Amino acid sequence: MPDRAANAIRQELHRLLEHIPDSEVSAGRKFLRSFVDPVTFSLLTAPFDEEPVTEEERAAVEAARREPGSGTPHEQVVKEFER
């Protein structure tokens, strides 16, 4: 059973939620979910990847974008992995 201090803090959090601007409600939900879901917390607190893109990676992305069509059909992928 939560103690009185925790209950008081929860009541304050409920009051604060009512004053969050509509434009920030989504961000607030994401932030609160991070306390419940460790995966969400990890994603929100992960450091930004500052490693530069290599020429090899850039060339691979450009080659993929030049491929015709909207992608590889599922059936073709399955056949290639069955080999």
C-alpha atoms as a PDB file:
ATOM      1  CA  MET A   1       0.000   0.000   0.000  1.00  0.00           C
ATOM      2  CA  PRO A   2       1.452   3.393  -0.985  1.00  0.00           C
ATOM      3  CA  ASP A   3       2.390   5.683   1.873  1.00  0.00           C
ATOM      4  CA  ARG A   4       0.855   9.102   2.469  1.00  0.00           C
ATOM      5  CA  ALA A   5       3.745  10.954   0.879  1.00  0.00           C
ATOM      6  CA  ALA A   6       3.437   8.904  -2.319  1.00  0.00           C
ATOM      7  CA  ASN A   7      -0.334   9.503  -2.379  1.00  0.00           C
ATOM      8  CA  ALA A   8       0.171  13.249  -1.966  1.00  0.00           C
ATOM      9  CA  ILE A   9       2.665  13.270  -4.816  1.00  0.00           C
ATOM     10  CA  ARG A  10       0.284  11.303  -7.037  1.00  0.00           C
ATOM     11  CA  GLN A  11      -2.482  13.819  -6.306  1.00  0.00           C
ATOM     12  CA  GLU A  12      -0.143  16.648  -7.226  1.00  0.00           C
ATOM     13  CA  LEU A  13       0.785  14.860 -10.471  1.00  0.00           C
ATOM     14  CA  HIS A  14      -2.921  14.541 -11.347  1.00  0.00           C
ATOM     15  CA  ARG A  15      -3.374  18.296 -10.775  1.00  0.00           C
ATOM     16  CA  LEU A  16      -0.328  19.084 -12.897  1.00  0.00           C
ATOM     17  CA  LEU A  17      -1.598  16.902 -15.735  1.00  0.00           C
ATOM     18  CA  GLU A  18      -4.688  19.074 -16.005  1.00  0.00           C
ATOM     19  CA  HIS A  19      -2.509  22.108 -16.719  1.00  0.00           C
ATOM     20  CA  ILE A  20      -0.298  20.648 -19.444  1.00  0.00           C
ATOM     21  CA  PRO A  21      -0.899  22.560 -22.698  1.00  0.00           C
ATOM     22  CA  ASP A  22      -2.556  20.505 -25.448  1.00  0.00           C
ATOM     23  CA  SER A  23       0.554  20.924 -27.561  1.00  0.00           C
ATOM     24  CA  GLU A  24       2.625  19.098 -24.895  1.00  0.00           C
ATOM     25  CA  VAL A  25       0.223  16.305 -23.883  1.00  0.00           C
ATOM     26  CA  SER A  26       1.830  13.761 -26.218  1.00  0.00           C
ATOM     27  CA  ALA A  27       5.332  14.537 -24.926  1.00  0.00           C
ATOM     28  CA  GLY A  28       4.064  14.291 -21.354  1.00  0.00           C
ATOM     29  CA  ARG A  29       2.549  10.883 -22.014  1.00  0.00           C
ATOM     30  CA  LYS A  30       5.797   9.659 -23.571  1.00  0.00           C
ATOM     31  CA  PHE A  31       7.739  10.929 -20.566  1.00  0.00           C
ATOM     32  CA  LEU A  32       5.427   9.278 -18.027  1.00  0.00           C
ATOM     33  CA  ARG A  33       5.398   6.000 -19.942  1.00  0.00           C
ATOM     34  CA  SER A  34       9.178   5.948 -19.711  1.00  0.00           C
ATOM     35  CA  PHE A  35       8.851   5.368 -15.963  1.00  0.00           C
ATOM     36  CA  VAL A  36       6.701   2.292 -16.550  1.00  0.00           C
ATOM     37  CA  ASP A  37       8.350   0.833 -19.648  1.00  0.00           C
ATOM     38  CA  PRO A  38      12.128   0.344 -19.473  1.00  0.00           C
ATOM     39  CA  VAL A  39      12.396   0.056 -23.268  1.00  0.00           C
ATOM     40  CA  THR A  40      10.743   3.440 -23.770  1.00  0.00           C
ATOM     41  CA  PHE A  41      13.029   4.903 -21.110  1.00  0.00           C
ATOM     42  CA  SER A  42      16.087   3.502 -22.896  1.00  0.00           C
ATOM     43  CA  LEU A  43      14.985   4.972 -26.217  1.00  0.00           C
ATOM     44  CA  LEU A  44      14.276   8.385 -24.717  1.00  0.00           C
ATOM     45  CA  THR A  45      17.592   8.555 -22.920  1.00  0.00           C
ATOM     46  CA  ALA A  46      19.834   6.951 -25.550  1.00  0.00           C
ATOM     47  CA  PRO A  47      22.685   9.184 -26.688  1.00  0.00           C
ATOM     48  CA  PHE A  48      22.489  10.672 -30.159  1.00  0.00           C
ATOM     49  CA  ASP A  49      24.572   8.743 -32.676  1.00  0.00           C
ATOM     50  CA  GLU A  50      27.153  11.271 -33.794  1.00  0.00           C
ATOM     51  CA  GLU A  51      29.189   8.795 -35.817  1.00  0.00           C
ATOM     52  CA  PRO A  52      29.510  10.143 -39.364  1.00  0.00           C
ATOM     53  CA  VAL A  53      28.039   8.202 -42.251  1.00  0.00           C
ATOM     54  CA  THR A  54      30.786   6.510 -44.266  1.00  0.00           C
ATOM     55  CA  GLU A  55      31.032   6.687 -48.034  1.00  0.00           C
ATOM     56  CA  GLU A  56      30.289   2.941 -48.158  1.00  0.00           C
ATOM     57  CA  GLU A  57      27.062   3.449 -46.188  1.00  0.00           C
ATOM     58  CA  ARG A  58      26.069   6.442 -48.296  1.00  0.00           C
ATOM     59  CA  ALA A  59      26.667   4.437 -51.506  1.00  0.00           C
ATOM     60  CA  ALA A  60      24.597   1.518 -50.164  1.00  0.00           C
ATOM     61  CA  VAL A  61      21.676   3.831 -49.384  1.00  0.00           C
ATOM     62  CA  GLU A  62      21.862   5.450 -52.813  1.00  0.00           C
ATOM     63  CA  ALA A  63      21.954   2.026 -54.516  1.00  0.00           C
ATOM     64  CA  ALA A  64      18.912   0.880 -52.540  1.00  0.00           C
ATOM     65  CA  ARG A  65      16.987   4.021 -53.503  1.00  0.00           C
ATOM     66  CA  ARG A  66      17.743   3.424 -57.208  1.00  0.00           C
ATOM     67  CA  GLU A  67      16.238  -0.070 -57.141  1.00  0.00           C
ATOM     68  CA  PRO A  68      12.987  -0.270 -59.075  1.00  0.00           C
ATOM     69  CA  GLY A  69       9.621  -0.888 -57.477  1.00  0.00           C
ATOM     70  CA  SER A  70       8.359  -0.403 -53.969  1.00  0.00           C
ATOM     71  CA  GLY A  71      10.438  -3.193 -52.483  1.00  0.00           C
ATOM     72  CA  THR A  72      11.105  -6.906 -52.631  1.00  0.00           C
ATOM     73  CA  PRO A  73       8.009  -9.139 -52.614  1.00  0.00           C
ATOM     74  CA  HIS A  74       7.699 -11.307 -49.515  1.00  0.00           C
ATOM     75  CA  GLU A  75       7.659 -14.471 -51.601  1.00  0.00           C
ATOM     76  CA  GLN A  76      11.022 -13.596 -53.146  1.00  0.00           C
ATOM     77  CA  VAL A  77      12.591 -12.990 -49.742  1.00  0.00           C
ATOM     78  CA  VAL A  78      11.308 -16.334 -48.466  1.00  0.00           C
ATOM     79  CA  LYS A  79      12.719 -18.128 -51.530  1.00  0.00           C
ATOM     80  CA  GLU A  80      16.127 -16.505 -51.065  1.00  0.00           C
ATOM     81  CA  PHE A  81      16.281 -17.563 -47.415  1.00  0.00           C
ATOM     82  CA  GLU A  82      15.218 -21.134 -48.201  1.00  0.00           C
ATOM     83  CA  ARG A  83      18.366 -21.721 -50.228  1.00  0.00           C
END
